[in-house]
C-alpha atoms as a PDB file:
ATOM      1  CA  MET A   1       0.028  -0.094  -0.194  1.00  0.00           C
ATOM      2  CA  SER A   2       1.284   3.473  -0.658  1.00  0.00           C
ATOM      3  CA  ILE A   3       0.888   6.558   1.714  1.00  0.00           C
ATOM      4  CA  ILE A   4       1.450   9.829   0.216  1.00  0.00           C
ATOM      5  CA  LEU A   5       2.896  12.196   2.661  1.00  0.00           C
ATOM      6  CA  ASN A   6       2.090  15.931   3.602  1.00  0.00           C
ATOM      7  CA  SER A   7       4.076  18.761   3.109  1.00  0.00           C
ATOM      8  CA  ARG A   8       4.169  19.545   6.545  1.00  0.00           C
ATOM      9  CA  LEU A   9       5.219  16.619   9.010  1.00  0.00           C
ATOM     10  CA  ASP A  10       5.615  18.628  12.050  1.00  0.00           C
ATOM     11  CA  THR A  11       5.007  16.737  15.786  1.00  0.00           C
ATOM     12  CA  ALA A  12       1.267  16.941  15.310  1.00  0.00           C
ATOM     13  CA  ALA A  13       1.840  14.765  12.201  1.00  0.00           C
ATOM     14  CA  ALA A  14       3.934  12.166  13.769  1.00  0.00           C
ATOM     15  CA  GLY A  15       0.684  10.460  15.401  1.00  0.00           C
ATOM     16  CA  PRO A  16      -1.291   9.600  12.644  1.00  0.00           C
ATOM     17  CA  LEU A  17       1.500   8.550  10.715  1.00  0.00           C
ATOM     18  CA  HIS A  18       2.619   6.454  13.678  1.00  0.00           C
ATOM     19  CA  GLN A  19      -1.226   4.829  13.497  1.00  0.00           C
ATOM     20  CA  SER A  20      -1.097   4.993   9.353  1.00  0.00           C
ATOM     21  CA  LEU A  21       1.949   3.127   9.407  1.00  0.00           C
ATOM     22  CA  LYS A  22       1.767   0.562  12.141  1.00  0.00           C
ATOM     23  CA  LYS A  23      -1.431  -0.701  10.480  1.00  0.00           C
ATOM     24  CA  LEU A  24       0.363  -1.395   7.650  1.00  0.00           C
ATOM     25  CA  VAL A  25       3.142  -3.148   9.536  1.00  0.00           C
ATOM     26  CA  GLU A  26       0.851  -5.582  11.184  1.00  0.00           C
ATOM     27  CA  ALA A  27      -1.361  -6.392   8.305  1.00  0.00           C
ATOM     28  CA  GLY A  28       1.746  -7.514   6.427  1.00  0.00           C
ATOM     29  CA  GLN A  29       1.497  -5.234   3.605  1.00  0.00           C
ATOM     30  CA  PRO A  30       4.407  -3.732   1.920  1.00  0.00           C
ATOM     31  CA  ILE A  31       5.317  -0.174   2.455  1.00  0.00           C
ATOM     32  CA  ALA A  32       5.342   2.080  -0.381  1.00  0.00           C
ATOM     33  CA  ILE A  33       5.983   5.975   0.617  1.00  0.00           C
ATOM     34  CA  ASP A  34       5.591   9.375  -1.616  1.00  0.00           C
ATOM     35  CA  GLY A  35       8.043  11.941  -0.202  1.00  0.00           C
ATOM     36  CA  ASN A  36       7.353  14.298  -3.131  1.00  0.00           C
ATOM     37  CA  ALA A  37       5.441  17.063  -1.451  1.00  0.00           C
ATOM     38  CA  VAL A  38       7.778  16.655   2.161  1.00  0.00           C
ATOM     39  CA  ASP A  39       8.886  20.490   2.581  1.00  0.00           C
ATOM     40  CA  GLN A  40       9.234  20.439   6.328  1.00  0.00           C
ATOM     41  CA  ILE A  41      10.041  17.332   8.636  1.00  0.00           C
ATOM     42  CA  GLY A  42      10.464  16.898  12.405  1.00  0.00           C
ATOM     43  CA  GLN A  43      12.578  14.752  14.034  1.00  0.00           C
ATOM     44  CA  ALA A  44       9.223  12.827  15.680  1.00  0.00           C
ATOM     45  CA  CYS A  45       7.726  11.851  12.430  1.00  0.00           C
ATOM     46  CA  LEU A  46      11.715  11.144  11.197  1.00  0.00           C
ATOM     47  CA  GLN A  47      11.657   8.788  14.286  1.00  0.00           C
ATOM     48  CA  VAL A  48       8.383   7.266  13.461  1.00  0.00           C
ATOM     49  CA  LEU A  49       9.364   6.645  10.077  1.00  0.00           C
ATOM     50  CA  ALA A  50      12.714   5.345  10.786  1.00  0.00           C
ATOM     51  CA  ALA A  51      11.096   2.503  13.475  1.00  0.00           C
ATOM     52  CA  ALA A  52       8.339   1.730  10.813  1.00  0.00           C
ATOM     53  CA  ARG A  53      11.074   0.912   8.793  1.00  0.00           C
ATOM     54  CA  ALA A  54      13.157  -0.851  10.949  1.00  0.00           C
ATOM     55  CA  ALA A  55       9.819  -2.710  11.877  1.00  0.00           C
ATOM     56  CA  ALA A  56       9.179  -3.636   8.392  1.00  0.00           C
ATOM     57  CA  VAL A  57      12.718  -4.768   7.518  1.00  0.00           C
ATOM     58  CA  ALA A  58      12.467  -7.083  11.164  1.00  0.00           C
ATOM     59  CA  ARG A  59       8.844  -8.815   9.422  1.00  0.00           C
ATOM     60  CA  GLY A  60      10.687  -8.951   6.249  1.00  0.00           C
ATOM     61  CA  LEU A  61       8.314  -6.491   4.217  1.00  0.00           C
ATOM     62  CA  SER A  62       9.070  -4.315   1.538  1.00  0.00           C
ATOM     63  CA  TRP A  63       9.890  -0.564   2.321  1.00  0.00           C
ATOM     64  CA  GLN A  64      10.257   2.144  -0.131  1.00  0.00           C
ATOM     65  CA  VAL A  65      10.172   5.887  -0.349  1.00  0.00           C
ATOM     66  CA  ALA A  66       9.588   6.700  -3.796  1.00  0.00           C
ATOM     67  CA  PHE A  67      10.972  10.539  -4.738  1.00  0.00           C
ATOM     68  CA  PRO A  68      12.168  11.518  -1.398  1.00  0.00           C
ATOM     69  CA  SER A  69      12.358  15.330  -0.877  1.00  0.00           C
ATOM     70  CA  VAL A  70      15.394  17.183  -0.324  1.00  0.00           C
ATOM     71  CA  ALA A  71      14.070  18.107   2.980  1.00  0.00           C
ATOM     72  CA  MET A  72      13.729  14.449   4.248  1.00  0.00           C
ATOM     73  CA  ILE A  73      17.197  13.763   2.575  1.00  0.00           C
ATOM     74  CA  GLU A  74      18.603  16.240   4.504  1.00  0.00           C
ATOM     75  CA  ALA A  75      16.972  15.634   7.784  1.00  0.00           C
ATOM     76  CA  GLY A  76      17.195  12.473   7.677  1.00  0.00           C
ATOM     77  CA  GLU A  77      21.194  12.829   7.611  1.00  0.00           C
ATOM     78  CA  LEU A  78      21.193  15.493   9.641  1.00  0.00           C
ATOM     79  CA  ALA A  79      19.468  13.217  12.150  1.00  0.00           C
ATOM     80  CA  ALA A  80      21.545  10.136  11.380  1.00  0.00           C
ATOM     81  CA  LEU A  81      18.100   8.035  10.566  1.00  0.00           C
ATOM     82  CA  ASP A  82      17.850   6.325   7.228  1.00  0.00           C
ATOM     83  CA  VAL A  83      14.379   6.714   6.594  1.00  0.00           C
ATOM     84  CA  VAL A  84      14.793   6.850   2.536  1.00  0.00           C
ATOM     85  CA  THR A  85      16.895   3.461   1.845  1.00  0.00           C
ATOM     86  CA  ALA A  86      14.827   1.135   0.230  1.00  0.00           C
ATOM     87  CA  ALA A  87      14.530  -2.362   2.241  1.00  0.00           C
END
């Protein structure tokens, strides 16, 4: 299933993002994320994405971030959290 990320992923967005990703992982669904629209991403959402990626990998599920925005890449590098590498 594909998730299209919003342009602003601040602390308020972390809860709903966590719930969406948790449902996919628990259902054993491969995860595809479109990060093209992301203009701003905070630490909380980076951590949610990193945790969901780790959970997907642990369950043998595929994880793909299509078209990660520059903001996503730079924030992930700054925080040393890999959220865009396919698994």
